Amino acid sequence: GYDSKVWESLTHFYDVQAWIPKDATFVNKAAFDALDKSTQD
């Protein structure tokens, strides 16, 4: 809501606390495997 400046368009926020989603950070496995061990570590 903050990132979107939601207050410029909407008026209410209800703190329902329905769930907590997560973002995953990942790497192409072939690219990772091609690195030397010190870089992988």
All heavy atoms as atom14 arrays in JSON, in Angstrom:
{
  "sequence": "GYDSKVWESLTHFYDVQAWIPKDATFVNKAAFDALDKSTQD",
  "atom14_mask": [
    [1, 1, 1, 1, 0, 0, 0, 0, 0, 0, 0, 0, 0, 0],
    [1, 1, 1, 1, 1, 1, 1, 1, 1, 1, 1, 1, 0, 0],
    [1, 1, 1, 1, 1, 1, 1, 1, 0, 0, 0, 0, 0, 0],
    [1, 1, 1, 1, 1, 1, 0, 0, 0, 0, 0, 0, 0, 0],
    [1, 1, 1, 1, 1, 1, 1, 1, 1, 0, 0, 0, 0, 0],
    [1, 1, 1, 1, 1, 1, 1, 0, 0, 0, 0, 0, 0, 0],
    [1, 1, 1, 1, 1, 1, 1, 1, 1, 1, 1, 1, 1, 1],
    [1, 1, 1, 1, 1, 1, 1, 1, 1, 0, 0, 0, 0, 0],
    [1, 1, 1, 1, 1, 1, 0, 0, 0, 0, 0, 0, 0, 0],
    [1, 1, 1, 1, 1, 1, 1, 1, 0, 0, 0, 0, 0, 0],
    [1, 1, 1, 1, 1, 1, 1, 0, 0, 0, 0, 0, 0, 0],
    [1, 1, 1, 1, 1, 1, 1, 1, 1, 1, 0, 0, 0, 0],
    [1, 1, 1, 1, 1, 1, 1, 1, 1, 1, 1, 0, 0, 0],
    [1, 1, 1, 1, 1, 1, 1, 1, 1, 1, 1, 1, 0, 0],
    [1, 1, 1, 1, 1, 1, 1, 1, 0, 0, 0, 0, 0, 0],
    [1, 1, 1, 1, 1, 1, 1, 0, 0, 0, 0, 0, 0, 0],
    [1, 1, 1, 1, 1, 1, 1, 1, 1, 0, 0, 0, 0, 0],
    [1, 1, 1, 1, 1, 0, 0, 0, 0, 0, 0, 0, 0, 0],
    [1, 1, 1, 1, 1, 1, 1, 1, 1, 1, 1, 1, 1, 1],
    [1, 1, 1, 1, 1, 1, 1, 1, 0, 0, 0, 0, 0, 0],
    [1, 1, 1, 1, 1, 1, 1, 0, 0, 0, 0, 0, 0, 0],
    [1, 1, 1, 1, 1, 1, 1, 1, 1, 0, 0, 0, 0, 0],
    [1, 1, 1, 1, 1, 1, 1, 1, 0, 0, 0, 0, 0, 0],
    [1, 1, 1, 1, 1, 0, 0, 0, 0, 0, 0, 0, 0, 0],
    [1, 1, 1, 1, 1, 1, 1, 0, 0, 0, 0, 0, 0, 0],
    [1, 1, 1, 1, 1, 1, 1, 1, 1, 1, 1, 0, 0, 0],
    [1, 1, 1, 1, 1, 1, 1, 0, 0, 0, 0, 0, 0, 0],
    [1, 1, 1, 1, 1, 1, 1, 1, 0, 0, 0, 0, 0, 0],
    [1, 1, 1, 1, 1, 1, 1, 1, 1, 0, 0, 0, 0, 0],
    [1, 1, 1, 1, 1, 0, 0, 0, 0, 0, 0, 0, 0, 0],
    [1, 1, 1, 1, 1, 0, 0, 0, 0, 0, 0, 0, 0, 0],
    [1, 1, 1, 1, 1, 1, 1, 1, 1, 1, 1, 0, 0, 0],
    [1, 1, 1, 1, 1, 1, 1, 1, 0, 0, 0, 0, 0, 0],
    [1, 1, 1, 1, 1, 0, 0, 0, 0, 0, 0, 0, 0, 0],
    [1, 1, 1, 1, 1, 1, 1, 1, 0, 0, 0, 0, 0, 0],
    [1, 1, 1, 1, 1, 1, 1, 1, 0, 0, 0, 0, 0, 0],
    [1, 1, 1, 1, 1, 1, 1, 1, 1, 0, 0, 0, 0, 0],
    [1, 1, 1, 1, 1, 1, 0, 0, 0, 0, 0, 0, 0, 0],
    [1, 1, 1, 1, 1, 1, 1, 0, 0, 0, 0, 0, 0, 0],
    [1, 1, 1, 1, 1, 1, 1, 1, 1, 0, 0, 0, 0, 0],
    [1, 1, 1, 1, 1, 1, 1, 1, 0, 0, 0, 0, 0, 0]
  ],
  "atom14_positions": [
    [[0.82, -1.21, 0.0], [0.0, 0.0, 0.0], [0.85, 1.26, 0.0], [0.58, 2.22, -0.72], [0.0, 0.0, 0.0], [0.0, 0.0, 0.0], [0.0, 0.0, 0.0], [0.0, 0.0, 0.0], [0.0, 0.0, 0.0], [0.0, 0.0, 0.0], [0.0, 0.0, 0.0], [0.0, 0.0, 0.0], [0.0, 0.0, 0.0], [0.0, 0.0, 0.0]],
    [[1.91, 1.23, 0.81], [2.82, 2.37, 0.88], [3.54, 2.57, -0.45], [3.62, 3.69, -0.96], [3.83, 2.13, 2.01], [4.83, 3.26, 2.18], [4.5, 4.4, 2.92], [6.1, 3.18, 1.62], [5.41, 5.44, 3.08], [7.02, 4.21, 1.79], [6.68, 5.34, 2.52], [7.57, 6.36, 2.67], [0.0, 0.0, 0.0], [0.0, 0.0, 0.0]],
    [[4.07, 1.5, -1.02], [4.77, 1.59, -2.3], [3.87, 2.15, -3.4], [4.33, 2.86, -4.29], [5.25, 0.2, -2.75], [6.41, -0.33, -1.92], [7.03, 0.47, -1.18], [6.69, -1.54, -2.0], [0.0, 0.0, 0.0], [0.0, 0.0, 0.0], [0.0, 0.0, 0.0], [0.0, 0.0, 0.0], [0.0, 0.0, 0.0], [0.0, 0.0, 0.0]],
    [[2.57, 1.82, -3.32], [1.62, 2.22, -4.36], [0.95, 3.56, -4.1], [0.11, 3.99, -4.89], [0.53, 1.14, -4.49], [1.09, -0.12, -4.72], [0.0, 0.0, 0.0], [0.0, 0.0, 0.0], [0.0, 0.0, 0.0], [0.0, 0.0, 0.0], [0.0, 0.0, 0.0], [0.0, 0.0, 0.0], [0.0, 0.0, 0.0], [0.0, 0.0, 0.0]],
    [[1.31, 4.22, -2.98], [0.65, 5.48, -2.58], [-0.87, 5.31, -2.61], [-1.6, 6.1, -3.19], [1.09, 6.63, -3.49], [2.57, 6.94, -3.39], [2.97, 8.15, -4.22], [4.45, 8.46, -4.07], [4.87, 9.62, -4.87], [0.0, 0.0, 0.0], [0.0, 0.0, 0.0], [0.0, 0.0, 0.0], [0.0, 0.0, 0.0], [0.0, 0.0, 0.0]],
    [[-1.3, 4.24, -1.95], [-2.71, 3.84, -2.01], [-3.65, 4.92, -1.5], [-4.8, 5.01, -1.92], [-2.89, 2.52, -1.22], [-2.63, 2.71, 0.25], [-4.27, 1.92, -1.47], [0.0, 0.0, 0.0], [0.0, 0.0, 0.0], [0.0, 0.0, 0.0], [0.0, 0.0, 0.0], [0.0, 0.0, 0.0], [0.0, 0.0, 0.0], [0.0, 0.0, 0.0]],
    [[-3.17, 5.78, -0.6], [-4.0, 6.84, -0.02], [-4.49, 7.85, -1.06], [-5.42, 8.59, -0.81], [-3.23, 7.57, 1.09], [-1.89, 8.06, 0.63], [-1.61, 9.23, 0.0], [-0.64, 7.37, 0.76], [-0.26, 9.32, -0.29], [0.36, 8.19, 0.18], [-0.26, 6.14, 1.33], [1.7, 7.82, 0.13], [1.08, 5.78, 1.29], [2.04, 6.61, 0.7]],
    [[-3.85, 7.87, -2.21], [-4.27, 8.78, -3.27], [-5.54, 8.29, -3.96], [-6.2, 9.05, -4.68], [-3.16, 8.96, -4.31], [-1.92, 9.65, -3.75], [-0.82, 9.82, -4.79], [-0.99, 9.29, -5.92], [0.21, 10.45, -4.48], [0.0, 0.0, 0.0], [0.0, 0.0, 0.0], [0.0, 0.0, 0.0], [0.0, 0.0, 0.0], [0.0, 0.0, 0.0]],
    [[-5.88, 7.0, -3.75], [-7.04, 6.42, -4.44], [-8.06, 5.77, -3.51], [-9.26, 5.84, -3.76], [-6.57, 5.36, -5.45], [-5.64, 5.9, -6.35], [0.0, 0.0, 0.0], [0.0, 0.0, 0.0], [0.0, 0.0, 0.0], [0.0, 0.0, 0.0], [0.0, 0.0, 0.0], [0.0, 0.0, 0.0], [0.0, 0.0, 0.0], [0.0, 0.0, 0.0]],
    [[-7.59, 5.15, -2.43], [-8.48, 4.42, -1.53], [-8.49, 5.06, -0.15], [-7.68, 5.93, 0.16], [-8.07, 2.95, -1.45], [-7.93, 2.21, -2.79], [-7.63, 0.74, -2.57], [-9.18, 2.38, -3.65], [0.0, 0.0, 0.0], [0.0, 0.0, 0.0], [0.0, 0.0, 0.0], [0.0, 0.0, 0.0], [0.0, 0.0, 0.0], [0.0, 0.0, 0.0]],
    [[-9.42, 4.62, 0.69], [-9.64, 5.31, 1.97], [-9.51, 4.42, 3.2], [-9.25, 4.93, 4.29], [-11.05, 5.93, 1.98], [-12.01, 4.89, 1.68], [-11.16, 7.04, 0.94], [0.0, 0.0, 0.0], [0.0, 0.0, 0.0], [0.0, 0.0, 0.0], [0.0, 0.0, 0.0], [0.0, 0.0, 0.0], [0.0, 0.0, 0.0], [0.0, 0.0, 0.0]],
    [[-9.71, 3.11, 3.05], [-9.77, 2.22, 4.21], [-8.78, 1.05, 4.08], [-8.57, 0.52, 2.98], [-11.18, 1.62, 4.37], [-12.22, 2.62, 4.77], [-12.66, 3.63, 3.93], [-12.92, 2.76, 5.93], [-13.59, 4.35, 4.55], [-13.76, 3.83, 5.76], [0.0, 0.0, 0.0], [0.0, 0.0, 0.0], [0.0, 0.0, 0.0], [0.0, 0.0, 0.0]],
    [[-8.21, 0.67, 5.25], [-7.41, -0.55, 5.32], [-7.9, -1.35, 6.52], [-7.93, -0.86, 7.65], [-5.92, -0.25, 5.49], [-5.07, -1.5, 5.66], [-4.72, -2.26, 4.55], [-4.64, -1.91, 6.92], [-3.95, -3.41, 4.7], [-3.86, -3.06, 7.08], [-3.53, -3.81, 5.96], [0.0, 0.0, 0.0], [0.0, 0.0, 0.0], [0.0, 0.0, 0.0]],
    [[-8.29, -2.61, 6.26], [-8.76, -3.5, 7.32], [-7.68, -4.56, 7.59], [-7.31, -5.33, 6.7], [-10.08, -4.16, 6.91], [-11.21, -3.14, 6.84], [-11.49, -2.49, 5.63], [-11.94, -2.82, 7.97], [-12.5, -1.53, 5.57], [-12.95, -1.86, 7.9], [-13.22, -1.22, 6.7], [-14.21, -0.27, 6.65], [0.0, 0.0, 0.0], [0.0, 0.0, 0.0]],
    [[-7.18, -4.58, 8.81], [-6.06, -5.44, 9.18], [-6.55, -6.87, 9.44], [-6.58, -7.35, 10.58], [-5.36, -4.87, 10.42], [-3.99, -5.48, 10.65], [-3.51, -6.18, 9.74], [-3.41, -5.24, 11.72], [0.0, 0.0, 0.0], [0.0, 0.0, 0.0], [0.0, 0.0, 0.0], [0.0, 0.0, 0.0], [0.0, 0.0, 0.0], [0.0, 0.0, 0.0]],
    [[-6.9, -7.55, 8.38], [-7.5, -8.88, 8.46], [-6.48, -9.94, 8.9], [-6.82, -10.91, 9.56], [-8.1, -9.26, 7.08], [-8.65, -10.68, 7.1], [-9.19, -8.28, 6.68], [0.0, 0.0, 0.0], [0.0, 0.0, 0.0], [0.0, 0.0, 0.0], [0.0, 0.0, 0.0], [0.0, 0.0, 0.0], [0.0, 0.0, 0.0], [0.0, 0.0, 0.0]],
    [[-5.2, -9.74, 8.51], [-4.13, -10.69, 8.81], [-4.48, -12.1, 8.3], [-4.45, -13.08, 9.04], [-3.82, -10.7, 10.31], [-3.34, -9.35, 10.81], [-2.82, -9.37, 12.22], [-2.58, -10.43, 12.79], [-2.64, -8.2, 12.8], [0.0, 0.0, 0.0], [0.0, 0.0, 0.0], [0.0, 0.0, 0.0], [0.0, 0.0, 0.0], [0.0, 0.0, 0.0]],
    [[-4.81, -12.16, 7.02], [-5.26, -13.42, 6.42], [-4.13, -14.42, 6.22], [-4.31, -15.62, 6.4], [-5.93, -13.14, 5.08], [0.0, 0.0, 0.0], [0.0, 0.0, 0.0], [0.0, 0.0, 0.0], [0.0, 0.0, 0.0], [0.0, 0.0, 0.0], [0.0, 0.0, 0.0], [0.0, 0.0, 0.0], [0.0, 0.0, 0.0], [0.0, 0.0, 0.0]],
    [[-2.96, -13.92, 5.83], [-1.8, -14.79, 5.64], [-0.54, -13.93, 5.54], [-0.62, -12.71, 5.47], [-1.96, -15.67, 4.4], [-2.22, -14.93, 3.11], [-1.37, -14.08, 2.46], [-3.41, -15.0, 2.3], [-1.95, -13.61, 1.3], [-3.2, -14.16, 1.17], [-4.62, -15.69, 2.39], [-4.15, -13.98, 0.16], [-5.56, -15.53, 1.4], [-5.33, -14.69, 0.31]],
    [[0.6, -14.59, 5.54], [1.89, -13.9, 5.39], [2.61, -14.54, 4.2], [3.23, -15.61, 4.35], [2.74, -13.99, 6.66], [2.04, -13.28, 7.82], [4.13, -13.39, 6.42], [2.8, -13.33, 9.14], [0.0, 0.0, 0.0], [0.0, 0.0, 0.0], [0.0, 0.0, 0.0], [0.0, 0.0, 0.0], [0.0, 0.0, 0.0], [0.0, 0.0, 0.0]],
    [[2.52, -13.96, 3.03], [3.2, -14.53, 1.86], [4.69, -14.3, 1.93], [5.17, -13.44, 2.67], [2.58, -13.77, 0.69], [2.22, -12.44, 1.28], [1.83, -12.7, 2.7], [0.0, 0.0, 0.0], [0.0, 0.0, 0.0], [0.0, 0.0, 0.0], [0.0, 0.0, 0.0], [0.0, 0.0, 0.0], [0.0, 0.0, 0.0], [0.0, 0.0, 0.0]],
    [[5.43, -15.08, 1.16], [6.89, -14.95, 1.17], [7.44, -14.84, -0.25], [6.89, -15.43, -1.18], [7.54, -16.14, 1.88], [7.29, -16.17, 3.38], [8.03, -17.27, 4.07], [7.42, -18.63, 3.83], [6.12, -18.81, 4.46], [0.0, 0.0, 0.0], [0.0, 0.0, 0.0], [0.0, 0.0, 0.0], [0.0, 0.0, 0.0], [0.0, 0.0, 0.0]],
    [[8.52, -14.1, -0.37], [9.27, -14.01, -1.62], [10.44, -14.99, -1.55], [11.1, -15.1, -0.51], [9.81, -12.6, -1.84], [8.79, -11.69, -2.49], [7.58, -12.0, -2.42], [9.19, -10.66, -3.06], [0.0, 0.0, 0.0], [0.0, 0.0, 0.0], [0.0, 0.0, 0.0], [0.0, 0.0, 0.0], [0.0, 0.0, 0.0], [0.0, 0.0, 0.0]],
    [[10.7, -15.65, -2.66], [11.84, -16.56, -2.75], [12.92, -15.96, -3.63], [12.62, -15.39, -4.69], [11.39, -17.9, -3.32], [0.0, 0.0, 0.0], [0.0, 0.0, 0.0], [0.0, 0.0, 0.0], [0.0, 0.0, 0.0], [0.0, 0.0, 0.0], [0.0, 0.0, 0.0], [0.0, 0.0, 0.0], [0.0, 0.0, 0.0], [0.0, 0.0, 0.0]],
    [[14.15, -16.07, -3.21], [15.3, -15.7, -4.04], [16.02, -16.99, -4.41], [16.31, -17.82, -3.55], [16.25, -14.75, -3.28], [15.54, -13.55, -2.96], [17.46, -14.39, -4.15], [0.0, 0.0, 0.0], [0.0, 0.0, 0.0], [0.0, 0.0, 0.0], [0.0, 0.0, 0.0], [0.0, 0.0, 0.0], [0.0, 0.0, 0.0], [0.0, 0.0, 0.0]],
    [[16.26, -17.16, -5.7], [16.83, -18.42, -6.18], [17.84, -18.17, -7.29], [17.98, -17.05, -7.8], [15.72, -19.36, -6.66], [14.59, -18.67, -7.39], [14.8, -18.11, -8.65], [13.33, -18.57, -6.82], [13.77, -17.46, -9.33], [12.3, -17.92, -7.49], [12.52, -17.38, -8.74], [0.0, 0.0, 0.0], [0.0, 0.0, 0.0], [0.0, 0.0, 0.0]],
    [[18.54, -19.25, -7.66], [19.61, -19.15, -8.65], [19.45, -20.3, -9.65], [18.99, -21.39, -9.3], [21.0, -19.2, -7.96], [21.19, -20.49, -7.19], [22.13, -19.02, -8.97], [0.0, 0.0, 0.0], [0.0, 0.0, 0.0], [0.0, 0.0, 0.0], [0.0, 0.0, 0.0], [0.0, 0.0, 0.0], [0.0, 0.0, 0.0], [0.0, 0.0, 0.0]],
    [[19.82, -20.04, -10.9], [19.87, -21.1, -11.91], [20.89, -22.14, -11.45], [22.04, -21.81, -11.19], [20.27, -20.49, -13.26], [20.39, -21.54, -14.34], [21.36, -22.27, -14.4], [19.41, -21.59, -15.23], [0.0, 0.0, 0.0], [0.0, 0.0, 0.0], [0.0, 0.0, 0.0], [0.0, 0.0, 0.0], [0.0, 0.0, 0.0], [0.0, 0.0, 0.0]],
    [[20.45, -23.38, -11.3], [21.31, -24.4, -10.7], [22.56, -24.67, -11.53], [23.65, -24.86, -10.98], [20.52, -25.7, -10.51], [21.24, -26.72, -9.64], [20.36, -27.92, -9.35], [21.07, -28.89, -8.41], [22.4, -29.32, -8.9], [0.0, 0.0, 0.0], [0.0, 0.0, 0.0], [0.0, 0.0, 0.0], [0.0, 0.0, 0.0], [0.0, 0.0, 0.0]],
    [[22.44, -24.67, -12.85], [23.6, -24.91, -13.7], [24.63, -23.79, -13.54], [25.84, -24.05, -13.49], [23.17, -25.04, -15.16], [0.0, 0.0, 0.0], [0.0, 0.0, 0.0], [0.0, 0.0, 0.0], [0.0, 0.0, 0.0], [0.0, 0.0, 0.0], [0.0, 0.0, 0.0], [0.0, 0.0, 0.0], [0.0, 0.0, 0.0], [0.0, 0.0, 0.0]],
    [[24.14, -22.56, -13.45], [25.05, -21.42, -13.26], [25.75, -21.51, -11.91], [26.95, -21.24, -11.8], [24.29, -20.11, -13.38], [0.0, 0.0, 0.0], [0.0, 0.0, 0.0], [0.0, 0.0, 0.0], [0.0, 0.0, 0.0], [0.0, 0.0, 0.0], [0.0, 0.0, 0.0], [0.0, 0.0, 0.0], [0.0, 0.0, 0.0], [0.0, 0.0, 0.0]],
    [[25.0, -21.89, -10.89], [25.58, -22.03, -9.54], [26.61, -23.16, -9.52], [27.71, -23.0, -8.98], [24.48, -22.32, -8.52], [24.97, -22.46, -7.11], [25.18, -21.33, -6.32], [25.22, -23.71, -6.57], [25.64, -21.46, -5.02], [25.68, -23.85, -5.26], [25.89, -22.71, -4.49], [0.0, 0.0, 0.0], [0.0, 0.0, 0.0], [0.0, 0.0, 0.0]],
    [[26.28, -24.3, -10.14], [27.18, -25.46, -10.13], [28.47, -25.18, -10.89], [29.5, -25.82, -10.63], [26.48, -26.68, -10.73], [25.38, -27.22, -9.82], [25.35, -26.84, -8.63], [24.54, -28.0, -10.32], [0.0, 0.0, 0.0], [0.0, 0.0, 0.0], [0.0, 0.0, 0.0], [0.0, 0.0, 0.0], [0.0, 0.0, 0.0], [0.0, 0.0, 0.0]],
    [[28.42, -24.24, -11.82], [29.61, -23.92, -12.62], [30.61, -23.04, -11.87], [31.75, -22.88, -12.31], [29.19, -23.22, -13.92], [0.0, 0.0, 0.0], [0.0, 0.0, 0.0], [0.0, 0.0, 0.0], [0.0, 0.0, 0.0], [0.0, 0.0, 0.0], [0.0, 0.0, 0.0], [0.0, 0.0, 0.0], [0.0, 0.0, 0.0], [0.0, 0.0, 0.0]],
    [[30.2, -22.5, -10.74], [31.09, -21.64, -9.94], [32.07, -22.48, -9.14], [31.79, -23.63, -8.79], [30.26, -20.79, -8.98], [29.27, -19.8, -9.61], [28.38, -19.22, -8.52], [30.0, -18.7, -10.36], [0.0, 0.0, 0.0], [0.0, 0.0, 0.0], [0.0, 0.0, 0.0], [0.0, 0.0, 0.0], [0.0, 0.0, 0.0], [0.0, 0.0, 0.0]],
    [[33.2, -21.9, -8.78], [34.13, -22.6, -7.89], [33.54, -22.63, -6.48], [32.64, -21.85, -6.14], [35.5, -21.93, -7.89], [35.44, -20.48, -7.44], [35.26, -20.24, -6.24], [35.56, -19.58, -8.29], [0.0, 0.0, 0.0], [0.0, 0.0, 0.0], [0.0, 0.0, 0.0], [0.0, 0.0, 0.0], [0.0, 0.0, 0.0], [0.0, 0.0, 0.0]],
    [[34.04, -23.53, -5.66], [33.42, -23.76, -4.34], [33.47, -22.53, -3.45], [32.52, -22.26, -2.7], [34.11, -24.93, -3.63], [33.36, -25.34, -2.35], [33.95, -26.58, -1.74], [33.09, -27.04, -0.54], [32.89, -26.0, 0.47], [0.0, 0.0, 0.0], [0.0, 0.0, 0.0], [0.0, 0.0, 0.0], [0.0, 0.0, 0.0], [0.0, 0.0, 0.0]],
    [[34.54, -21.76, -3.51], [34.63, -20.58, -2.65], [33.55, -19.55, -3.0], [32.98, -18.91, -2.11], [36.02, -19.94, -2.75], [36.25, -19.44, -4.06], [0.0, 0.0, 0.0], [0.0, 0.0, 0.0], [0.0, 0.0, 0.0], [0.0, 0.0, 0.0], [0.0, 0.0, 0.0], [0.0, 0.0, 0.0], [0.0, 0.0, 0.0], [0.0, 0.0, 0.0]],
    [[33.24, -19.44, -4.29], [32.18, -18.51, -4.7], [30.82, -19.04, -4.3], [29.95, -18.29, -3.84], [32.24, -18.26, -6.22], [33.53, -17.79, -6.58], [31.2, -17.23, -6.65], [0.0, 0.0, 0.0], [0.0, 0.0, 0.0], [0.0, 0.0, 0.0], [0.0, 0.0, 0.0], [0.0, 0.0, 0.0], [0.0, 0.0, 0.0], [0.0, 0.0, 0.0]],
    [[30.61, -20.33, -4.47], [29.36, -20.95, -4.02], [29.15, -20.72, -2.52], [28.05, -20.35, -2.08], [29.36, -22.46, -4.32], [29.28, -22.82, -5.78], [29.34, -24.32, -6.0], [29.69, -25.09, -5.07], [29.01, -24.76, -7.2], [0.0, 0.0, 0.0], [0.0, 0.0, 0.0], [0.0, 0.0, 0.0], [0.0, 0.0, 0.0], [0.0, 0.0, 0.0]],
    [[30.21, -20.95, -1.76], [30.12, -20.77, -0.3], [29.8, -19.31, 0.06], [29.05, -19.05, 1.0], [31.43, -21.19, 0.37], [31.65, -22.69, 0.34], [30.67, -23.43, 0.07], [32.8, -23.13, 0.57], [0.0, 0.0, 0.0], [0.0, 0.0, 0.0], [0.0, 0.0, 0.0], [0.0, 0.0, 0.0], [0.0, 0.0, 0.0], [0.0, 0.0, 0.0]]
  ]
}
